[in-house]
Amino acid sequence: MAFESIRLTPRQQEILRRVVQEYVATGQPVGSKSLVERWSLPVSASTVRNELAE
């Protein structure tokens, strides 16, 4: 099975980086709302969920 190259937008990269940082720090699932609040991301929680779903 061949894998296609995955390209992330800068916003997706930032969100993914923050999710990984938060998960590594806490060992707990990371919620989109808490992620937006903790890191003062300039997007809504629903945008975070949509970006991660792609």
N, C-alpha and C. Protein backbone atom coordinates (compact mmCIF):
# COMPACT_ATOMS: atom_id res chain seq x y z
N MET A 1 0.84 -1.18 0.00
CA MET A 1 0.00 0.00 0.00
C MET A 1 0.89 1.25 0.00
N ALA A 2 0.67 2.12 -0.95
CA ALA A 2 1.47 3.34 -1.06
C ALA A 2 0.81 4.47 -0.29
N PHE A 3 1.63 5.28 0.32
CA PHE A 3 1.12 6.44 1.05
C PHE A 3 1.41 7.70 0.24
N GLU A 4 0.41 8.56 0.19
CA GLU A 4 0.60 9.83 -0.48
C GLU A 4 1.29 10.80 0.49
N SER A 5 2.00 11.73 -0.07
CA SER A 5 2.63 12.76 0.74
C SER A 5 1.54 13.66 1.32
N ILE A 6 1.64 13.93 2.60
CA ILE A 6 0.65 14.77 3.26
C ILE A 6 1.22 16.16 3.42
N ARG A 7 0.50 17.13 2.94
CA ARG A 7 0.92 18.52 3.09
C ARG A 7 -0.06 19.23 4.01
N LEU A 8 0.49 19.85 5.03
CA LEU A 8 -0.33 20.58 5.98
C LEU A 8 -0.16 22.08 5.75
N THR A 9 -1.24 22.79 5.93
CA THR A 9 -1.16 24.24 5.86
C THR A 9 -0.44 24.74 7.11
N PRO A 10 0.06 25.96 7.08
CA PRO A 10 0.71 26.50 8.29
C PRO A 10 -0.22 26.45 9.51
N ARG A 11 -1.50 26.73 9.30
CA ARG A 11 -2.45 26.68 10.43
C ARG A 11 -2.58 25.26 10.95
N GLN A 12 -2.67 24.29 10.07
CA GLN A 12 -2.76 22.89 10.49
C GLN A 12 -1.49 22.46 11.23
N GLN A 13 -0.34 22.92 10.75
CA GLN A 13 0.92 22.60 11.42
C GLN A 13 0.94 23.15 12.84
N GLU A 14 0.50 24.39 13.00
CA GLU A 14 0.47 25.02 14.32
C GLU A 14 -0.48 24.28 15.26
N ILE A 15 -1.65 23.95 14.78
CA ILE A 15 -2.62 23.24 15.61
C ILE A 15 -2.08 21.87 16.01
N LEU A 16 -1.53 21.14 15.05
CA LEU A 16 -0.98 19.82 15.35
C LEU A 16 0.16 19.91 16.35
N ARG A 17 1.02 20.90 16.17
CA ARG A 17 2.15 21.08 17.10
C ARG A 17 1.64 21.32 18.52
N ARG A 18 0.62 22.16 18.65
CA ARG A 18 0.07 22.46 19.98
C ARG A 18 -0.62 21.24 20.59
N VAL A 19 -1.32 20.48 19.76
CA VAL A 19 -1.98 19.26 20.26
C VAL A 19 -0.93 18.29 20.80
N VAL A 20 0.12 18.09 20.05
CA VAL A 20 1.18 17.17 20.48
C VAL A 20 1.84 17.68 21.76
N GLN A 21 2.15 18.97 21.81
CA GLN A 21 2.76 19.55 23.02
C GLN A 21 1.87 19.32 24.24
N GLU A 22 0.61 19.60 24.08
CA GLU A 22 -0.33 19.47 25.20
C GLU A 22 -0.46 18.00 25.63
N TYR A 23 -0.55 17.11 24.66
CA TYR A 23 -0.69 15.70 24.99
C TYR A 23 0.56 15.16 25.69
N VAL A 24 1.72 15.53 25.19
CA VAL A 24 2.97 15.07 25.81
C VAL A 24 3.09 15.62 27.23
N ALA A 25 2.68 16.86 27.43
CA ALA A 25 2.79 17.48 28.75
C ALA A 25 1.83 16.87 29.77
N THR A 26 0.63 16.48 29.31
CA THR A 26 -0.39 16.03 30.26
C THR A 26 -0.70 14.55 30.20
N GLY A 27 -0.48 13.94 29.05
CA GLY A 27 -0.84 12.54 28.88
C GLY A 27 -2.34 12.32 28.78
N GLN A 28 -3.07 13.41 28.59
CA GLN A 28 -4.53 13.36 28.53
C GLN A 28 -5.00 13.78 27.14
N PRO A 29 -6.21 13.34 26.76
CA PRO A 29 -6.77 13.81 25.49
C PRO A 29 -6.85 15.34 25.49
N VAL A 30 -6.69 15.92 24.33
CA VAL A 30 -6.68 17.38 24.20
C VAL A 30 -7.97 17.83 23.54
N GLY A 31 -8.72 18.66 24.22
CA GLY A 31 -9.96 19.20 23.68
C GLY A 31 -9.69 20.45 22.86
N SER A 32 -10.49 20.64 21.84
CA SER A 32 -10.29 21.80 20.97
C SER A 32 -10.51 23.12 21.71
N LYS A 33 -11.50 23.16 22.58
CA LYS A 33 -11.78 24.40 23.32
C LYS A 33 -10.63 24.74 24.27
N SER A 34 -10.14 23.76 24.99
CA SER A 34 -9.04 24.02 25.92
C SER A 34 -7.77 24.40 25.16
N LEU A 35 -7.59 23.82 23.99
CA LEU A 35 -6.42 24.15 23.17
C LEU A 35 -6.46 25.61 22.74
N VAL A 36 -7.61 26.05 22.28
CA VAL A 36 -7.77 27.45 21.84
C VAL A 36 -7.54 28.40 23.01
N GLU A 37 -8.10 28.06 24.16
CA GLU A 37 -7.96 28.94 25.33
C GLU A 37 -6.53 28.96 25.86
N ARG A 38 -5.92 27.80 26.00
CA ARG A 38 -4.58 27.73 26.58
C ARG A 38 -3.54 28.42 25.71
N TRP A 39 -3.61 28.23 24.42
CA TRP A 39 -2.58 28.76 23.52
C TRP A 39 -3.02 30.04 22.81
N SER A 40 -4.17 30.57 23.16
CA SER A 40 -4.69 31.80 22.55
C SER A 40 -4.65 31.73 21.02
N LEU A 41 -5.11 30.61 20.51
CA LEU A 41 -5.13 30.45 19.06
C LEU A 41 -6.16 31.40 18.45
N PRO A 42 -5.85 31.99 17.31
CA PRO A 42 -6.76 32.96 16.70
C PRO A 42 -7.87 32.32 15.86
N VAL A 43 -8.31 31.15 16.28
CA VAL A 43 -9.39 30.44 15.59
C VAL A 43 -10.35 29.88 16.63
N SER A 44 -11.52 29.46 16.17
CA SER A 44 -12.51 28.89 17.09
C SER A 44 -12.22 27.41 17.32
N ALA A 45 -12.85 26.88 18.35
CA ALA A 45 -12.70 25.45 18.65
C ALA A 45 -13.21 24.60 17.49
N SER A 46 -14.27 25.05 16.83
CA SER A 46 -14.79 24.27 15.70
C SER A 46 -13.82 24.28 14.53
N THR A 47 -13.10 25.37 14.35
CA THR A 47 -12.08 25.42 13.30
C THR A 47 -10.96 24.43 13.60
N VAL A 48 -10.57 24.35 14.86
CA VAL A 48 -9.54 23.38 15.25
C VAL A 48 -10.01 21.97 14.91
N ARG A 49 -11.24 21.65 15.26
CA ARG A 49 -11.78 20.32 14.96
C ARG A 49 -11.81 20.06 13.46
N ASN A 50 -12.24 21.04 12.70
CA ASN A 50 -12.30 20.88 11.24
C ASN A 50 -10.92 20.69 10.63
N GLU A 51 -9.97 21.45 11.10
CA GLU A 51 -8.61 21.34 10.56
C GLU A 51 -8.01 19.97 10.87
N LEU A 52 -8.29 19.45 12.05
CA LEU A 52 -7.74 18.14 12.42
C LEU A 52 -8.46 17.00 11.71
N ALA A 53 -9.68 17.25 11.28
CA ALA A 53 -10.45 16.21 10.60
C ALA A 53 -9.99 15.99 9.16
N GLU A 54 -9.32 16.96 8.60
CA GLU A 54 -8.90 16.84 7.19
C GLU A 54 -7.72 15.93 7.04
